[in-house]
Amino acid sequence: MLMNLSFLTSLFKKDAKTLKLPDSALTKKLRAIASSNSFSLFNDVIVFHHSSSYNVALLLLDNARGLYLFEKKMWSYEDLKNATVEKARNQNNSANTLSFQQTQRVINKKFNELAHHDGAPIFNYLLMENLTTDEYGRLSDSFIELLPAHRVIFSDSTVEEILTKLRYSRIPDFELPSEEDILGNLLIQYAILDENRSLKLCSREQIDFIDDEISGFEILRGAPRSGKSNALLLKAIFEALKDKDKKIIILKSTVLSCDIFKKKLLDVVERAIVEINLSNIMILTPIEFVNLHLKRLKKSPLLESVLYVDKIIMKKKFHIANLVMCDDADLLRDDFIRYLTHSQSGSNLLLVNSDLKEAKREFAEEFAPKERVVNFHEANQHAKALLIVSKLLSTREPKDILIVSSSLSREGLLYDLEHFIERKPSLVDSSKILLKQNLESLKLATYIDVDELNAKHIVLLDVCSTTVAQIERAIGLAGISVDAIYEEECETINQLKEKYENN
């Protein structure tokens, strides 16, 4: 039996069936090593570049040394005992071939295009899931020469032996880029662009959500600042990259939030340098979704600002996409959510923060900025708000400040700010597109307008006449400070104080 192979530069053709390693003994050992040494480990990941994708069985980042790529083989001693190995000559990398040489070239090119540096050194290893150290020693000398033992992890390798082999790769004589810079540029499906356009890696629970298939009707729950919206965005991008024909709909509560979300989508895709059919990712308001259904039924559309769920569409299925994800379902009308679950029966539907049934997925972590403080003030609302805003404006830019209140309070504040502080604020109108808003000035918004907004400093009024969920959503928009003003104690204030003052 003659096997024409090479190692470290161009490895093997993939097995006919790609096997995942979540439960293999070697993967568990590598996870233990990663956990105890603060390495980052990714199992069965895809590297996207332009219109191509490259599967990596297992990838590990040691931020002192570099990236480790692991190729996995299920060969046993019986498969290999009569084989000899020769260097491959003029081996072509076909579309169904995974080679280290090709993957390394793509990774290096990706780093240079995205981050304008060479990324990190790349080391190649082979995982022999069904071959022991002793069996390897009894193979042809050609294996020993071309597959050196220090680059092969055997089925009986101990954690200590594996770590020794990983450390065989020397530490470079230069400082590597940050983990966010390396992995965020390499695995764009797990990288969030924050408000400052800096890369942030997803949490493990976000990554698991992005990787998993949504099947049927599912619920995702998470607190404000748990990264739900960012995870939906990356999930849509990941699904569209894996399947160019897949149609995805994301539902957001308002026209403005849809527009901001579309801009985020464009920013992420543009930065990632990947080719994606953006027409297959639709970001819609509930009214726009209902109107698509009415159009299919050849019925008149709803008015732009009035959501009405007709009895006719309540009885009809509407399978328009492979996946529908509805953000902040708890803030949408009950009749729309009932219609959505009925019309998508038999399709793949994800509701975020719905109480319709037990949540299959939950984001437990919250990512509130460490420096953010939440202050409570018992005082005259308007007078205190003017005092706080005046003080903030002495050191902060107007665009850094957002005031959230009821519609009635907003009208009074608009007059007071113009006449007493001599600042003309902009009124956020969530029924209008982003181009018709001025978000670069001091902003006044109601609680229904704030979806997808953010500001360094947020001032909250009318707290006692607003739900805890809406207040917490507004608090989650703040980067540095929140000032909640109330004129009398109430149950909402007590709940908020218990949560935020204790933290």
Protein backbone atom coordinates (compact mmCIF):
# COMPACT_ATOMS: atom_id res chain seq x y z
CA MET A 1 0.00 0.00 0.00
CA LEU A 2 1.58 3.29 -1.08
CA MET A 3 0.35 6.59 0.34
CA ASN A 4 1.42 9.79 -1.41
CA LEU A 5 1.33 12.38 1.38
CA SER A 6 3.24 15.29 2.86
CA PHE A 7 3.09 16.86 6.31
CA LEU A 8 3.36 20.39 7.69
CA THR A 9 3.13 22.01 4.25
CA SER A 10 0.31 20.14 2.55
CA LEU A 11 -1.47 17.45 4.50
CA PHE A 12 -4.26 15.05 3.67
CA LYS A 13 -7.45 15.01 1.70
CA LYS A 14 -10.40 15.17 4.06
CA ASP A 15 -12.14 11.96 4.94
CA ALA A 16 -15.31 11.42 2.93
CA LYS A 17 -17.30 12.23 6.05
CA THR A 18 -16.15 15.06 8.30
CA LEU A 19 -16.37 13.95 11.91
CA LYS A 20 -16.76 16.31 14.84
CA LEU A 21 -14.75 15.87 18.00
CA PRO A 22 -16.87 17.22 20.86
CA ASP A 23 -16.65 14.00 22.87
CA SER A 24 -13.29 12.58 21.78
CA ALA A 25 -10.69 11.88 24.45
CA LEU A 26 -8.06 14.02 22.72
CA THR A 27 -10.39 16.99 22.41
CA LYS A 28 -11.21 16.76 26.11
CA LYS A 29 -7.50 16.74 26.93
CA LEU A 30 -6.91 19.76 24.73
CA ARG A 31 -9.83 21.54 26.40
CA ALA A 32 -8.28 20.84 29.79
CA ILE A 33 -4.95 22.23 28.58
CA ALA A 34 -6.66 25.31 27.14
CA SER A 35 -8.57 25.92 30.37
CA SER A 36 -5.56 25.60 32.68
CA ASN A 37 -3.25 27.68 30.47
CA SER A 38 -5.68 30.43 29.34
CA PHE A 39 -5.55 29.25 25.73
CA SER A 40 -8.50 29.75 23.36
CA LEU A 41 -9.79 26.55 21.75
CA PHE A 42 -12.27 26.23 18.87
CA ASN A 43 -13.58 22.89 17.63
CA ASP A 44 -14.76 22.39 14.02
CA VAL A 45 -14.59 26.05 12.97
CA ILE A 46 -14.85 27.69 9.56
CA VAL A 47 -12.53 30.44 8.32
CA PHE A 48 -14.31 32.64 5.75
CA HIS A 49 -12.39 34.69 3.21
CA HIS A 50 -14.02 36.50 0.29
CA SER A 51 -16.29 33.86 -1.30
CA SER A 52 -14.44 30.82 0.08
CA SER A 53 -14.59 28.91 3.35
CA TYR A 54 -12.03 26.65 5.01
CA ASN A 55 -12.84 24.08 7.69
CA VAL A 56 -10.42 23.64 10.57
CA ALA A 57 -10.96 20.57 12.73
CA LEU A 58 -9.48 22.16 15.81
CA LEU A 59 -7.80 25.52 16.37
CA LEU A 60 -5.96 26.69 19.48
CA LEU A 61 -4.46 30.09 20.29
CA ASP A 62 -1.56 30.40 22.71
CA ASN A 63 -1.11 34.16 22.87
CA ALA A 64 2.58 33.71 23.73
CA ARG A 65 3.40 31.40 20.80
CA GLY A 66 0.70 31.61 18.14
CA LEU A 67 -2.00 29.59 16.39
CA TYR A 68 -2.10 25.80 16.39
CA LEU A 69 -4.00 24.03 13.59
CA PHE A 70 -4.93 20.40 14.19
CA GLU A 71 -5.77 17.93 11.42
CA LYS A 72 -7.68 14.92 12.64
CA LYS A 73 -7.43 11.37 11.32
CA MET A 74 -9.27 8.26 12.41
CA TRP A 75 -6.69 5.83 10.99
CA SER A 76 -5.85 2.79 13.09
CA TYR A 77 -2.68 0.68 13.15
CA GLU A 78 -4.42 -1.89 10.94
CA ASP A 79 -4.97 0.81 8.31
CA LEU A 80 -1.34 1.91 8.32
CA LYS A 81 0.86 -1.05 9.23
CA ASN A 82 1.64 -2.03 5.61
CA ALA A 83 1.77 1.52 4.26
CA THR A 84 4.71 3.66 3.27
CA VAL A 85 4.67 7.41 2.83
CA GLU A 86 6.23 9.50 0.09
CA LYS A 87 6.29 13.25 -0.31
CA ALA A 88 3.51 14.51 -2.47
CA ARG A 89 4.54 15.85 -5.85
CA ASN A 90 2.55 18.63 -7.47
CA GLN A 91 -0.38 17.99 -5.14
CA ASN A 92 -3.37 20.10 -6.09
CA ASN A 93 -5.68 21.61 -3.50
CA SER A 94 -9.11 20.77 -4.80
CA ALA A 95 -12.31 22.28 -3.45
CA ASN A 96 -12.85 19.31 -1.12
CA THR A 97 -9.29 19.28 0.17
CA LEU A 98 -8.15 20.68 3.48
CA SER A 99 -4.41 21.27 3.52
CA PHE A 100 -2.36 23.15 6.06
CA GLN A 101 -0.54 24.93 3.26
CA GLN A 102 -3.73 26.32 1.79
CA THR A 103 -5.26 27.23 5.15
CA GLN A 104 -2.07 28.94 6.32
CA ARG A 105 -1.90 30.98 3.14
CA VAL A 106 -5.50 32.09 3.56
CA ILE A 107 -4.99 32.97 7.24
CA ASN A 108 -1.89 35.03 6.50
CA LYS A 109 -3.62 36.81 3.62
CA LYS A 110 -6.69 37.48 5.77
CA PHE A 111 -4.60 39.05 8.53
CA ASN A 112 -2.77 41.27 6.04
CA GLU A 113 -6.01 42.45 4.42
CA LEU A 114 -7.94 43.03 7.66
CA ALA A 115 -5.36 43.96 10.27
CA HIS A 116 -2.37 44.91 8.07
CA HIS A 117 -0.02 42.54 9.90
CA ASP A 118 1.02 38.89 9.61
CA GLY A 119 -1.13 37.79 12.53
CA ALA A 120 0.56 35.06 14.54
CA PRO A 121 2.93 32.16 13.85
CA ILE A 122 1.05 29.02 12.78
CA PHE A 123 1.98 25.54 13.97
CA ASN A 124 0.57 22.33 12.50
CA TYR A 125 -0.26 19.17 14.41
CA LEU A 126 -1.93 15.86 13.63
CA LEU A 127 -4.51 14.22 15.90
CA MET A 128 -4.35 10.42 15.63
CA GLU A 129 -7.57 9.43 17.40
CA ASN A 130 -7.05 5.66 16.96
CA LEU A 131 -3.26 5.25 16.95
CA THR A 132 -1.14 4.79 20.09
CA THR A 133 2.45 5.90 20.63
CA ASP A 134 3.66 2.30 20.56
CA GLU A 135 1.80 1.53 17.33
CA TYR A 136 3.31 4.61 15.70
CA GLY A 137 6.78 3.32 16.58
CA ARG A 138 6.10 0.10 14.66
CA LEU A 139 5.13 1.86 11.43
CA SER A 140 7.36 2.34 8.37
CA ASP A 141 10.40 4.60 8.80
CA SER A 142 8.84 6.84 6.18
CA PHE A 143 6.12 7.77 8.71
CA ILE A 144 8.69 8.59 11.36
CA GLU A 145 10.54 10.83 8.90
CA LEU A 146 7.60 12.72 7.45
CA LEU A 147 5.28 12.62 10.47
CA PRO A 148 7.64 13.51 13.34
CA ALA A 149 6.36 12.36 16.73
CA HIS A 150 6.62 15.83 18.28
CA ARG A 151 3.96 17.02 15.79
CA VAL A 152 1.60 14.07 16.30
CA ILE A 153 -0.87 13.70 19.19
CA PHE A 154 -1.61 10.02 19.79
CA SER A 155 -4.71 8.44 21.28
CA ASP A 156 -2.80 7.55 24.48
CA SER A 157 -0.95 10.89 24.81
CA THR A 158 -1.29 12.32 28.30
CA VAL A 159 -2.11 15.95 29.03
CA GLU A 160 1.49 16.48 30.08
CA GLU A 161 2.84 14.91 26.88
CA ILE A 162 0.51 17.00 24.71
CA LEU A 163 1.53 20.21 26.48
CA THR A 164 5.21 19.33 26.01
CA LYS A 165 4.62 18.86 22.28
CA LEU A 166 2.78 22.18 22.02
CA ARG A 167 5.66 23.90 23.79
CA TYR A 168 8.07 22.40 21.26
CA SER A 169 6.95 25.32 19.08
CA ARG A 170 9.15 28.15 20.21
CA ILE A 171 8.01 31.53 21.49
CA PRO A 172 8.58 34.19 18.82
CA ASP A 173 10.95 37.06 19.56
CA PHE A 174 8.19 39.63 19.07
CA GLU A 175 4.95 40.41 20.91
CA LEU A 176 1.86 38.95 19.29
CA PRO A 177 -1.30 41.00 18.63
CA SER A 178 -4.09 40.73 21.19
CA GLU A 179 -6.46 37.76 21.33
CA GLU A 180 -9.27 40.00 20.03
CA ASP A 181 -7.10 41.12 17.13
CA ILE A 182 -6.04 37.59 16.14
CA LEU A 183 -9.28 35.66 16.63
CA GLY A 184 -11.60 38.56 15.82
CA ASN A 185 -9.99 39.00 12.40
CA LEU A 186 -9.73 35.27 11.74
CA LEU A 187 -13.17 34.10 12.93
CA ILE A 188 -15.36 37.00 11.85
CA GLN A 189 -18.56 35.12 12.78
CA TYR A 190 -17.59 35.48 16.46
CA ALA A 191 -16.39 39.10 16.40
CA ILE A 192 -18.53 42.04 17.48
CA LEU A 193 -17.83 45.59 16.34
CA ASP A 194 -18.54 47.82 19.34
CA GLU A 195 -19.62 51.48 19.30
CA ASN A 196 -15.97 52.54 18.83
CA ARG A 197 -15.52 50.05 15.95
CA SER A 198 -13.19 47.95 18.10
CA LEU A 199 -13.32 44.16 17.88
CA LYS A 200 -14.77 42.22 20.81
CA LEU A 201 -14.89 38.43 20.90
CA CYS A 202 -18.19 36.74 21.66
CA SER A 203 -18.64 34.89 24.91
CA ARG A 204 -18.78 31.10 24.92
CA GLU A 205 -22.58 31.09 25.25
CA GLN A 206 -22.86 33.51 22.30
CA ILE A 207 -20.54 31.32 20.22
CA ASP A 208 -22.57 28.22 21.05
CA PHE A 209 -25.74 30.03 19.97
CA ILE A 210 -24.15 31.16 16.69
CA ASP A 211 -22.89 27.63 15.95
CA ASP A 212 -26.07 25.73 16.86
CA GLU A 213 -28.94 25.10 14.48
CA ILE A 214 -32.28 26.70 15.37
CA SER A 215 -34.87 24.02 14.79
CA GLY A 216 -38.59 24.73 15.02
CA PHE A 217 -39.85 27.22 17.61
CA GLU A 218 -37.24 28.30 20.17
CA ILE A 219 -36.84 30.97 22.86
CA LEU A 220 -33.67 32.88 23.76
CA ARG A 221 -33.59 34.84 27.01
CA GLY A 222 -31.04 37.28 28.33
CA ALA A 223 -30.74 40.44 30.38
CA PRO A 224 -29.94 43.85 28.89
CA ARG A 225 -26.28 44.02 27.85
CA SER A 226 -26.05 40.22 27.49
CA GLY A 227 -25.27 40.54 23.79
CA LYS A 228 -28.51 39.17 22.36
CA SER A 229 -28.83 41.60 19.45
CA ASN A 230 -25.18 41.26 18.44
CA ALA A 231 -25.53 37.48 18.55
CA LEU A 232 -28.59 37.64 16.25
CA LEU A 233 -26.62 39.77 13.79
CA LEU A 234 -23.62 37.41 13.74
CA LYS A 235 -25.92 34.37 13.58
CA ALA A 236 -27.56 35.78 10.45
CA ILE A 237 -24.18 36.49 8.85
CA PHE A 238 -22.86 33.02 9.74
CA GLU A 239 -25.93 31.26 8.33
CA ALA A 240 -25.76 33.30 5.12
CA LEU A 241 -22.05 32.52 4.70
CA LYS A 242 -22.61 28.80 5.17
CA ASP A 243 -25.55 28.68 2.76
CA LYS A 244 -25.72 31.37 0.09
CA ASP A 245 -29.36 30.53 -0.68
CA LYS A 246 -30.60 30.70 2.92
CA LYS A 247 -33.16 33.43 3.62
CA ILE A 248 -33.17 35.04 7.07
CA ILE A 249 -35.47 37.63 8.64
CA ILE A 250 -34.69 39.63 11.78
CA LEU A 251 -37.58 41.54 13.32
CA LYS A 252 -36.85 44.76 15.22
CA SER A 253 -39.42 46.93 16.96
CA THR A 254 -39.10 50.24 15.05
CA VAL A 255 -38.06 51.74 11.73
CA LEU A 256 -35.09 53.47 13.35
CA SER A 257 -33.86 50.34 15.13
CA CYS A 258 -34.09 48.42 11.84
CA ASP A 259 -32.06 51.10 10.10
CA ILE A 260 -29.36 51.15 12.78
CA PHE A 261 -29.24 47.35 12.70
CA LYS A 262 -28.87 47.36 8.90
CA LYS A 263 -25.93 49.75 9.25
CA LYS A 264 -24.33 47.40 11.77
CA LEU A 265 -24.78 44.52 9.36
CA LEU A 266 -23.15 46.45 6.53
CA ASP A 267 -20.28 47.57 8.77
CA VAL A 268 -19.53 44.01 9.93
CA VAL A 269 -19.70 42.51 6.43
CA GLU A 270 -17.63 45.31 4.89
CA ARG A 271 -14.94 45.00 7.53
CA ALA A 272 -14.81 41.19 7.36
CA ILE A 273 -14.07 41.15 3.61
CA VAL A 274 -16.52 38.37 2.83
CA GLU A 275 -18.92 38.01 -0.05
CA ILE A 276 -22.48 37.62 1.14
CA ASN A 277 -25.87 38.03 -0.50
CA LEU A 278 -27.27 40.79 1.71
CA SER A 279 -30.64 40.59 -0.02
CA ASN A 280 -31.13 37.25 1.74
CA ILE A 281 -30.98 38.95 5.17
CA MET A 282 -34.08 41.08 5.70
CA ILE A 283 -34.38 43.35 8.76
CA LEU A 284 -38.03 44.31 9.19
CA THR A 285 -40.48 45.96 11.56
CA PRO A 286 -43.61 44.00 12.56
CA ILE A 287 -45.66 46.18 10.17
CA GLU A 288 -43.31 45.43 7.27
CA PHE A 289 -43.53 41.72 8.02
CA VAL A 290 -47.34 41.77 8.12
CA ASN A 291 -47.42 43.74 4.88
CA LEU A 292 -45.34 41.08 3.13
CA HIS A 293 -47.95 38.54 4.20
CA LEU A 294 -50.81 40.78 3.06
CA LYS A 295 -49.07 41.28 -0.28
CA ARG A 296 -48.86 37.53 -0.79
CA LEU A 297 -52.58 37.29 -0.03
CA LYS A 298 -53.21 40.23 -2.40
CA LYS A 299 -54.64 42.35 0.41
CA SER A 300 -54.18 46.07 1.02
CA PRO A 301 -51.11 46.96 3.11
CA LEU A 302 -51.25 48.49 6.58
CA LEU A 303 -50.62 52.17 7.08
CA GLU A 304 -47.01 53.00 7.87
CA SER A 305 -47.50 53.56 11.61
CA VAL A 306 -50.48 51.39 12.53
CA LEU A 307 -50.02 47.70 13.30
CA TYR A 308 -53.19 45.66 12.90
CA VAL A 309 -53.31 41.87 12.78
CA ASP A 310 -56.24 40.90 10.60
CA LYS A 311 -58.17 37.69 11.31
CA ILE A 312 -57.40 36.50 7.80
CA ILE A 313 -53.64 36.39 8.28
CA MET A 314 -54.06 34.87 11.74
CA LYS A 315 -55.34 31.74 10.00
CA LYS A 316 -52.68 31.58 7.27
CA LYS A 317 -49.17 30.15 7.30
CA PHE A 318 -46.46 32.40 5.89
CA HIS A 319 -43.20 30.62 5.13
CA ILE A 320 -41.09 33.38 3.66
CA ALA A 321 -37.67 32.56 5.15
CA ASN A 322 -35.58 29.62 6.36
CA LEU A 323 -35.13 31.37 9.70
CA VAL A 324 -37.06 34.17 11.43
CA MET A 325 -35.57 35.79 14.55
CA CYS A 326 -37.64 38.31 16.53
CA ASP A 327 -35.64 40.55 18.87
CA ASP A 328 -37.22 41.90 22.09
CA ALA A 329 -40.43 39.93 21.62
CA ASP A 330 -41.51 40.91 25.14
CA LEU A 331 -41.81 44.54 24.00
CA LEU A 332 -44.03 43.78 21.00
CA ARG A 333 -47.81 43.48 20.99
CA ASP A 334 -49.23 40.16 22.15
CA ASP A 335 -51.46 39.80 19.10
CA PHE A 336 -48.46 40.16 16.78
CA ILE A 337 -46.49 37.52 18.69
CA ARG A 338 -49.47 35.15 18.52
CA TYR A 339 -49.75 35.79 14.79
CA LEU A 340 -45.99 35.28 14.34
CA THR A 341 -45.91 31.92 16.13
CA HIS A 342 -48.95 30.71 14.16
CA SER A 343 -47.82 31.95 10.75
CA GLN A 344 -44.35 30.42 11.25
CA SER A 345 -45.64 27.09 12.55
CA GLY A 346 -43.49 24.41 10.96
CA SER A 347 -40.71 26.90 10.20
CA ASN A 348 -37.64 27.87 12.23
CA LEU A 349 -38.57 30.73 14.57
CA LEU A 350 -36.59 32.29 17.43
CA LEU A 351 -38.21 34.72 19.87
CA VAL A 352 -35.96 36.76 22.15
CA ASN A 353 -37.21 37.29 25.72
CA SER A 354 -40.65 35.79 25.17
CA ASP A 355 -42.58 34.11 27.98
CA LEU A 356 -44.57 31.85 25.65
CA LYS A 357 -42.65 28.77 26.73
CA GLU A 358 -39.50 27.66 28.52
CA ALA A 359 -36.34 29.08 26.99
CA LYS A 360 -34.06 26.53 25.32
CA ARG A 361 -31.24 29.08 25.24
CA GLU A 362 -30.20 31.69 27.78
CA PHE A 363 -27.45 34.29 27.99
CA ALA A 364 -26.48 34.45 31.64
CA GLU A 365 -23.55 36.85 31.32
CA GLU A 366 -24.02 40.62 31.26
CA PHE A 367 -21.47 42.95 29.72
CA ALA A 368 -22.18 46.27 31.38
CA PRO A 369 -19.15 48.58 31.19
CA LYS A 370 -17.11 48.27 34.38
CA GLU A 371 -16.96 52.03 34.83
CA ARG A 372 -20.71 52.57 34.47
CA VAL A 373 -22.54 53.87 37.55
CA VAL A 374 -26.29 54.10 38.17
CA ASN A 375 -27.43 57.01 40.36
CA PHE A 376 -30.91 57.58 41.83
CA HIS A 377 -32.22 61.08 42.62
CA GLU A 378 -35.41 61.93 44.50
CA ALA A 379 -36.10 65.46 43.27
CA ASN A 380 -38.18 67.60 40.95
CA GLN A 381 -37.76 65.83 37.63
CA HIS A 382 -37.27 68.73 35.26
CA ALA A 383 -35.13 70.86 37.55
CA LYS A 384 -32.82 67.96 38.42
CA ALA A 385 -32.59 66.85 34.80
CA LEU A 386 -31.55 70.35 33.72
CA LEU A 387 -28.95 70.48 36.48
CA ILE A 388 -27.47 67.10 35.54
CA VAL A 389 -27.42 67.87 31.81
CA SER A 390 -25.85 71.30 32.41
CA LYS A 391 -23.10 69.71 34.49
CA LEU A 392 -22.46 66.99 31.90
CA LEU A 393 -22.24 69.53 29.08
CA SER A 394 -19.43 71.32 30.86
CA THR A 395 -17.12 68.35 30.20
CA ARG A 396 -18.91 66.17 27.64
CA GLU A 397 -19.99 66.43 24.03
CA PRO A 398 -23.76 66.88 23.48
CA LYS A 399 -23.86 63.64 21.43
CA ASP A 400 -22.75 61.72 24.54
CA ILE A 401 -26.02 62.51 26.35
CA LEU A 402 -29.44 60.89 25.95
CA ILE A 403 -32.53 61.88 27.97
CA VAL A 404 -35.33 59.31 28.10
CA SER A 405 -38.81 60.20 29.34
CA SER A 406 -42.51 60.09 28.56
CA SER A 407 -43.83 62.07 25.56
CA LEU A 408 -45.30 64.74 27.85
CA SER A 409 -42.08 65.29 29.78
CA ARG A 410 -40.11 65.41 26.56
CA GLU A 411 -42.07 68.42 25.33
CA GLY A 412 -41.36 70.33 28.55
CA LEU A 413 -37.69 69.39 28.50
CA LEU A 414 -37.36 70.53 24.91
CA TYR A 415 -38.49 74.04 25.89
CA ASP A 416 -36.37 74.14 29.08
CA LEU A 417 -33.18 72.97 27.38
CA GLU A 418 -33.50 75.54 24.61
CA HIS A 419 -34.29 78.47 26.95
CA PHE A 420 -32.33 77.75 30.14
CA ILE A 421 -29.29 75.81 28.89
CA GLU A 422 -29.37 77.23 25.37
CA ARG A 423 -28.95 73.86 23.73
CA LYS A 424 -31.22 72.70 20.96
CA PRO A 425 -31.70 68.96 21.41
CA SER A 426 -32.87 66.59 18.71
CA LEU A 427 -36.05 64.58 19.17
CA VAL A 428 -35.52 60.91 18.42
CA ASP A 429 -38.37 59.60 16.27
CA SER A 430 -38.22 55.81 15.95
CA SER A 431 -40.80 55.85 13.14
CA LYS A 432 -38.28 57.55 10.84
CA ILE A 433 -35.14 56.21 9.16
CA LEU A 434 -31.61 56.94 10.38
CA LEU A 435 -30.94 59.56 7.69
CA LYS A 436 -33.76 61.70 9.06
CA GLN A 437 -32.36 61.71 12.62
CA ASN A 438 -29.68 63.82 14.20
CA LEU A 439 -27.98 61.43 16.60
CA GLU A 440 -24.85 63.58 16.86
CA SER A 441 -26.46 66.09 19.22
CA LEU A 442 -28.08 66.07 22.66
CA LYS A 443 -30.99 63.66 22.27
CA LEU A 444 -34.49 63.40 23.75
CA ALA A 445 -36.31 60.10 23.38
CA THR A 446 -39.26 58.21 24.79
CA TYR A 447 -38.87 54.69 26.15
CA ILE A 448 -40.31 53.19 22.96
CA ASP A 449 -37.75 55.02 20.82
CA VAL A 450 -34.51 53.76 22.36
CA ASP A 451 -34.02 50.35 20.72
CA GLU A 452 -30.47 50.16 19.23
CA LEU A 453 -29.48 53.60 20.56
CA ASN A 454 -26.55 54.09 22.92
CA ALA A 455 -24.93 56.98 24.77
CA LYS A 456 -22.19 57.48 27.33
CA HIS A 457 -24.56 59.28 29.71
CA ILE A 458 -28.28 58.64 30.08
CA VAL A 459 -30.80 60.60 32.15
CA LEU A 460 -34.09 58.81 32.95
CA LEU A 461 -37.37 60.50 33.90
CA ASP A 462 -40.89 59.16 34.57
CA VAL A 463 -39.40 56.01 36.04
CA CYS A 464 -42.40 55.10 38.19
CA SER A 465 -44.80 55.19 35.25
CA THR A 466 -42.61 52.88 33.16
CA THR A 467 -42.09 49.12 33.37
CA VAL A 468 -38.94 47.68 34.93
CA ALA A 469 -38.12 45.95 31.61
CA GLN A 470 -38.19 49.26 29.72
CA ILE A 471 -36.11 51.03 32.37
CA GLU A 472 -33.52 48.24 32.37
CA ARG A 473 -33.33 48.32 28.59
CA ALA A 474 -32.64 52.08 28.77
CA ILE A 475 -30.00 51.57 31.49
CA GLY A 476 -28.31 49.01 29.25
CA LEU A 477 -27.69 51.68 26.62
CA ALA A 478 -25.35 53.68 28.88
CA GLY A 479 -21.59 53.48 28.68
CA ILE A 480 -20.53 55.59 31.68
CA SER A 481 -23.43 56.87 33.81
CA VAL A 482 -27.17 56.64 34.36
CA ASP A 483 -29.13 59.17 36.41
CA ALA A 484 -32.65 58.00 37.27
CA ILE A 485 -34.83 60.82 38.62
CA TYR A 486 -38.08 60.27 40.53
CA GLU A 487 -40.30 62.46 42.68
CA GLU A 488 -41.63 59.74 45.01
CA GLU A 489 -40.56 56.23 45.93
CA CYS A 490 -42.37 53.43 44.06
CA GLU A 491 -42.04 49.68 43.54
CA THR A 492 -40.12 50.18 40.29
CA ILE A 493 -37.55 52.38 42.03
CA ASN A 494 -37.20 49.88 44.88
CA GLN A 495 -36.55 47.01 42.44
CA LEU A 496 -34.00 49.03 40.49
CA LYS A 497 -32.21 50.21 43.59
CA GLU A 498 -31.97 46.68 44.93
CA LYS A 499 -30.32 45.53 41.72
CA TYR A 500 -28.08 48.43 40.78
CA GLU A 501 -27.11 49.99 44.12
CA ASN A 502 -25.99 46.60 45.42
CA ASN A 503 -23.79 46.17 42.34
